C-alpha cells in the first residue's frame, strides 16, 4: 500500500512520523513523508521518500520577522497575517494536495489543521 504521511511543526512533530514510516516500510508498504525542507535530511537518512511542503513554521519563528510577529500585539499580528501567514498557508495547502496524489492512505498530523482553523476564526 502507498502511504503518504503529512506533518509539519518541530522535530517532536516529525520524528514520530519517521518511526511510523520505518515500521510501515518494514511491513512492506511504500512510504513518503511530506514535511518542511528542514527535516529532509532526517527523513532521507531514515530511508524514507521525502516530499517538500513549503511551510516551514520553524524557520518562520526563528526569522527576525517571525520573532517580531510572535512578540507583537494582536493588532500587529493581524496586519502581518496577509503578508506572512496567508502565503505560507496557500503554499502549504497546494503542496499537501500535490504530495497526496497517488496515495492509497493518508496519515496526517492534526496540528496542521488546528493551526489553520485557529487562524481563520
C-alpha atoms as a PDB file:
ATOM      1  CA  UNK A   1       0.000   0.000   0.000  1.00  0.00           C
ATOM      2  CA  UNK A   2       1.179   3.572  -0.727  1.00  0.00           C
ATOM      3  CA  UNK A   3       1.189   5.705   2.414  1.00  0.00           C
ATOM      4  CA  UNK A   4       1.713   9.464   2.499  1.00  0.00           C
ATOM      5  CA  UNK A   5       2.478  10.848   5.964  1.00  0.00           C
ATOM      6  CA  UNK A   6       1.725  14.581   6.265  1.00  0.00           C
ATOM      7  CA  UNK A   7       3.253  16.539   9.130  1.00  0.00           C
ATOM      8  CA  UNK A   8       4.652  19.965   9.969  1.00  0.00           C
ATOM      9  CA  UNK A   9       5.996  21.613  13.067  1.00  0.00           C
ATOM     10  CA  UNK A  10       9.021  20.863  15.194  1.00  0.00           C
ATOM     11  CA  UNK A  11      11.239  17.791  15.343  1.00  0.00           C
ATOM     12  CA  UNK A  12       8.876  16.461  18.012  1.00  0.00           C
ATOM     13  CA  UNK A  13       6.048  16.575  15.471  1.00  0.00           C
ATOM     14  CA  UNK A  14       8.026  14.934  12.667  1.00  0.00           C
ATOM     15  CA  UNK A  15      10.067  12.271  14.468  1.00  0.00           C
ATOM     16  CA  UNK A  16       7.078  10.021  15.287  1.00  0.00           C
ATOM     17  CA  UNK A  17       6.154  10.029  11.599  1.00  0.00           C
ATOM     18  CA  UNK A  18       9.681   8.898  10.717  1.00  0.00           C
ATOM     19  CA  UNK A  19       9.359   5.998  13.166  1.00  0.00           C
ATOM     20  CA  UNK A  20       5.912   5.141  11.810  1.00  0.00           C
ATOM     21  CA  UNK A  21       7.228   5.332   8.252  1.00  0.00           C
ATOM     22  CA  UNK A  22      10.053   2.924   9.033  1.00  0.00           C
ATOM     23  CA  UNK A  23       7.603   0.464  10.616  1.00  0.00           C
ATOM     24  CA  UNK A  24       5.285   0.689   7.612  1.00  0.00           C
ATOM     25  CA  UNK A  25       8.185   0.074   5.235  1.00  0.00           C
ATOM     26  CA  UNK A  26       9.300  -2.887   7.312  1.00  0.00           C
ATOM     27  CA  UNK A  27       5.779  -4.277   6.846  1.00  0.00           C
ATOM     28  CA  UNK A  28       6.209  -3.961   3.065  1.00  0.00           C
ATOM     29  CA  UNK A  29       4.460  -0.664   2.351  1.00  0.00           C
ATOM     30  CA  UNK A  30       5.624   2.296   0.266  1.00  0.00           C
ATOM     31  CA  UNK A  31       6.004   5.452   2.390  1.00  0.00           C
ATOM     32  CA  UNK A  32       6.543   9.133   1.642  1.00  0.00           C
ATOM     33  CA  UNK A  33       6.826  11.719   4.407  1.00  0.00           C
ATOM     34  CA  UNK A  34       5.570  15.139   3.341  1.00  0.00           C
ATOM     35  CA  UNK A  35       7.032  17.877   5.513  1.00  0.00           C
ATOM     36  CA  UNK A  36       9.185  21.017   5.571  1.00  0.00           C
ATOM     37  CA  UNK A  37      12.627  21.023   3.941  1.00  0.00           C
ATOM     38  CA  UNK A  38      14.315  21.450   7.322  1.00  0.00           C
ATOM     39  CA  UNK A  39      13.516  17.758   8.001  1.00  0.00           C
ATOM     40  CA  UNK A  40      14.557  16.393   4.598  1.00  0.00           C
ATOM     41  CA  UNK A  41      17.935  15.049   5.729  1.00  0.00           C
ATOM     42  CA  UNK A  42      16.421  13.165   8.669  1.00  0.00           C
ATOM     43  CA  UNK A  43      13.683  11.619   6.541  1.00  0.00           C
ATOM     44  CA  UNK A  44      16.094  10.532   3.813  1.00  0.00           C
ATOM     45  CA  UNK A  45      18.621   9.259   6.361  1.00  0.00           C
ATOM     46  CA  UNK A  46      15.853   7.030   7.743  1.00  0.00           C
ATOM     47  CA  UNK A  47      15.454   5.567   4.246  1.00  0.00           C
ATOM     48  CA  UNK A  48      12.060   7.120   3.590  1.00  0.00           C
ATOM     49  CA  UNK A  49      10.946   9.011   0.495  1.00  0.00           C
ATOM     50  CA  UNK A  50      10.541  12.773   1.050  1.00  0.00           C
ATOM     51  CA  UNK A  51       8.121  15.340  -0.415  1.00  0.00           C
ATOM     52  CA  UNK A  52       8.680  19.025   0.270  1.00  0.00           C
ATOM     53  CA  UNK A  53       5.984  21.176   1.862  1.00  0.00           C
ATOM     54  CA  UNK A  54       6.643  24.916   1.602  1.00  0.00           C
ATOM     55  CA  UNK A  55       5.522  25.825   5.088  1.00  0.00           C
ATOM     56  CA  UNK A  56       8.490  25.894   7.367  1.00  0.00           C
ATOM     57  CA  UNK A  57       6.955  27.289  10.537  1.00  0.00           C
ATOM     58  CA  UNK A  58      10.144  26.587  12.446  1.00  0.00           C
ATOM     59  CA  UNK A  59      12.134  28.802  10.070  1.00  0.00           C
ATOM     60  CA  UNK A  60       9.448  31.483  10.294  1.00  0.00           C
ATOM     61  CA  UNK A  61       9.518  31.538  14.097  1.00  0.00           C
ATOM     62  CA  UNK A  62      13.316  31.797  14.057  1.00  0.00           C
ATOM     63  CA  UNK A  63      13.447  34.580  11.453  1.00  0.00           C
ATOM     64  CA  UNK A  64      13.664  38.218  12.521  1.00  0.00           C
ATOM     65  CA  UNK A  65      10.237  38.946  11.031  1.00  0.00           C
ATOM     66  CA  UNK A  66       8.735  35.873  12.705  1.00  0.00           C
ATOM     67  CA  UNK A  67      10.132  36.822  16.113  1.00  0.00           C
ATOM     68  CA  UNK A  68       8.605  40.283  15.767  1.00  0.00           C
ATOM     69  CA  UNK A  69       5.288  38.729  14.790  1.00  0.00           C
ATOM     70  CA  UNK A  70       5.222  36.358  17.752  1.00  0.00           C
ATOM     71  CA  UNK A  71       6.111  39.056  20.261  1.00  0.00           C
ATOM     72  CA  UNK A  72       3.852  41.660  18.680  1.00  0.00           C
ATOM     73  CA  UNK A  73       0.484  42.834  19.834  1.00  0.00           C
ATOM     74  CA  UNK A  74      -2.677  41.245  18.386  1.00  0.00           C
ATOM     75  CA  UNK A  75      -3.330  44.166  16.021  1.00  0.00           C
ATOM     76  CA  UNK A  76       0.164  43.869  14.540  1.00  0.00           C
ATOM     77  CA  UNK A  77      -0.258  40.101  14.170  1.00  0.00           C
ATOM     78  CA  UNK A  78      -3.456  40.624  12.175  1.00  0.00           C
ATOM     79  CA  UNK A  79      -1.707  43.151   9.919  1.00  0.00           C
ATOM     80  CA  UNK A  80       1.114  40.709   9.212  1.00  0.00           C
ATOM     81  CA  UNK A  81      -1.167  37.760   8.503  1.00  0.00           C
ATOM     82  CA  UNK A  82      -1.718  38.796   4.889  1.00  0.00           C
ATOM     83  CA  UNK A  83       1.970  39.209   4.147  1.00  0.00           C
ATOM     84  CA  UNK A  84       3.429  36.305   6.167  1.00  0.00           C
ATOM     85  CA  UNK A  85       0.895  33.688   7.163  1.00  0.00           C
ATOM     86  CA  UNK A  86      -1.558  33.595   4.252  1.00  0.00           C
ATOM     87  CA  UNK A  87       1.095  32.947   1.563  1.00  0.00           C
ATOM     88  CA  UNK A  88       2.557  30.234   3.805  1.00  0.00           C
ATOM     89  CA  UNK A  89      -0.894  28.668   4.148  1.00  0.00           C
ATOM     90  CA  UNK A  90      -1.517  28.771   0.398  1.00  0.00           C
ATOM     91  CA  UNK A  91       1.829  27.124  -0.375  1.00  0.00           C
ATOM     92  CA  UNK A  92       1.301  24.509   2.312  1.00  0.00           C
ATOM     93  CA  UNK A  93      -2.169  23.525   1.138  1.00  0.00           C
ATOM     94  CA  UNK A  94      -1.061  23.388  -2.505  1.00  0.00           C
ATOM     95  CA  UNK A  95       1.946  21.224  -1.638  1.00  0.00           C
ATOM     96  CA  UNK A  96      -0.076  18.916   0.619  1.00  0.00           C
ATOM     97  CA  UNK A  97      -2.594  18.391  -2.169  1.00  0.00           C
ATOM     98  CA  UNK A  98       0.124  17.674  -4.728  1.00  0.00           C
ATOM     99  CA  UNK A  99       2.041  15.365  -2.386  1.00  0.00           C
ATOM    100  CA  UNK A 100      -1.135  13.445  -1.534  1.00  0.00           C
ATOM    101  CA  UNK A 101      -1.803  12.420  -5.114  1.00  0.00           C
ATOM    102  CA  UNK A 102      -1.377   8.718  -5.756  1.00  0.00           C
ATOM    103  CA  UNK A 103      -1.680   7.794  -2.083  1.00  0.00           C
ATOM    104  CA  UNK A 104      -3.766   4.856  -1.043  1.00  0.00           C
ATOM    105  CA  UNK A 105      -3.739   6.044   2.571  1.00  0.00           C
ATOM    106  CA  UNK A 106      -3.036   9.395   4.233  1.00  0.00           C
ATOM    107  CA  UNK A 107      -1.883   9.791   7.802  1.00  0.00           C
ATOM    108  CA  UNK A 108      -1.608  13.381   8.955  1.00  0.00           C
ATOM    109  CA  UNK A 109      -0.710  15.443  11.975  1.00  0.00           C
ATOM    110  CA  UNK A 110      -3.898  17.042  13.306  1.00  0.00           C
ATOM    111  CA  UNK A 111      -1.874  20.117  14.326  1.00  0.00           C
ATOM    112  CA  UNK A 112      -1.717  21.206  10.683  1.00  0.00           C
ATOM    113  CA  UNK A 113      -5.449  21.707  10.599  1.00  0.00           C
ATOM    114  CA  UNK A 114      -5.818  23.015  14.153  1.00  0.00           C
ATOM    115  CA  UNK A 115      -3.332  25.771  13.327  1.00  0.00           C
ATOM    116  CA  UNK A 116      -5.256  26.974  10.275  1.00  0.00           C
ATOM    117  CA  UNK A 117      -8.634  26.642  11.942  1.00  0.00           C
ATOM    118  CA  UNK A 118      -7.397  28.928  14.723  1.00  0.00           C
ATOM    119  CA  UNK A 119      -6.110  31.464  12.196  1.00  0.00           C
ATOM    120  CA  UNK A 120      -9.330  31.795  10.236  1.00  0.00           C
ATOM    121  CA  UNK A 121     -11.649  32.198  13.252  1.00  0.00           C
END
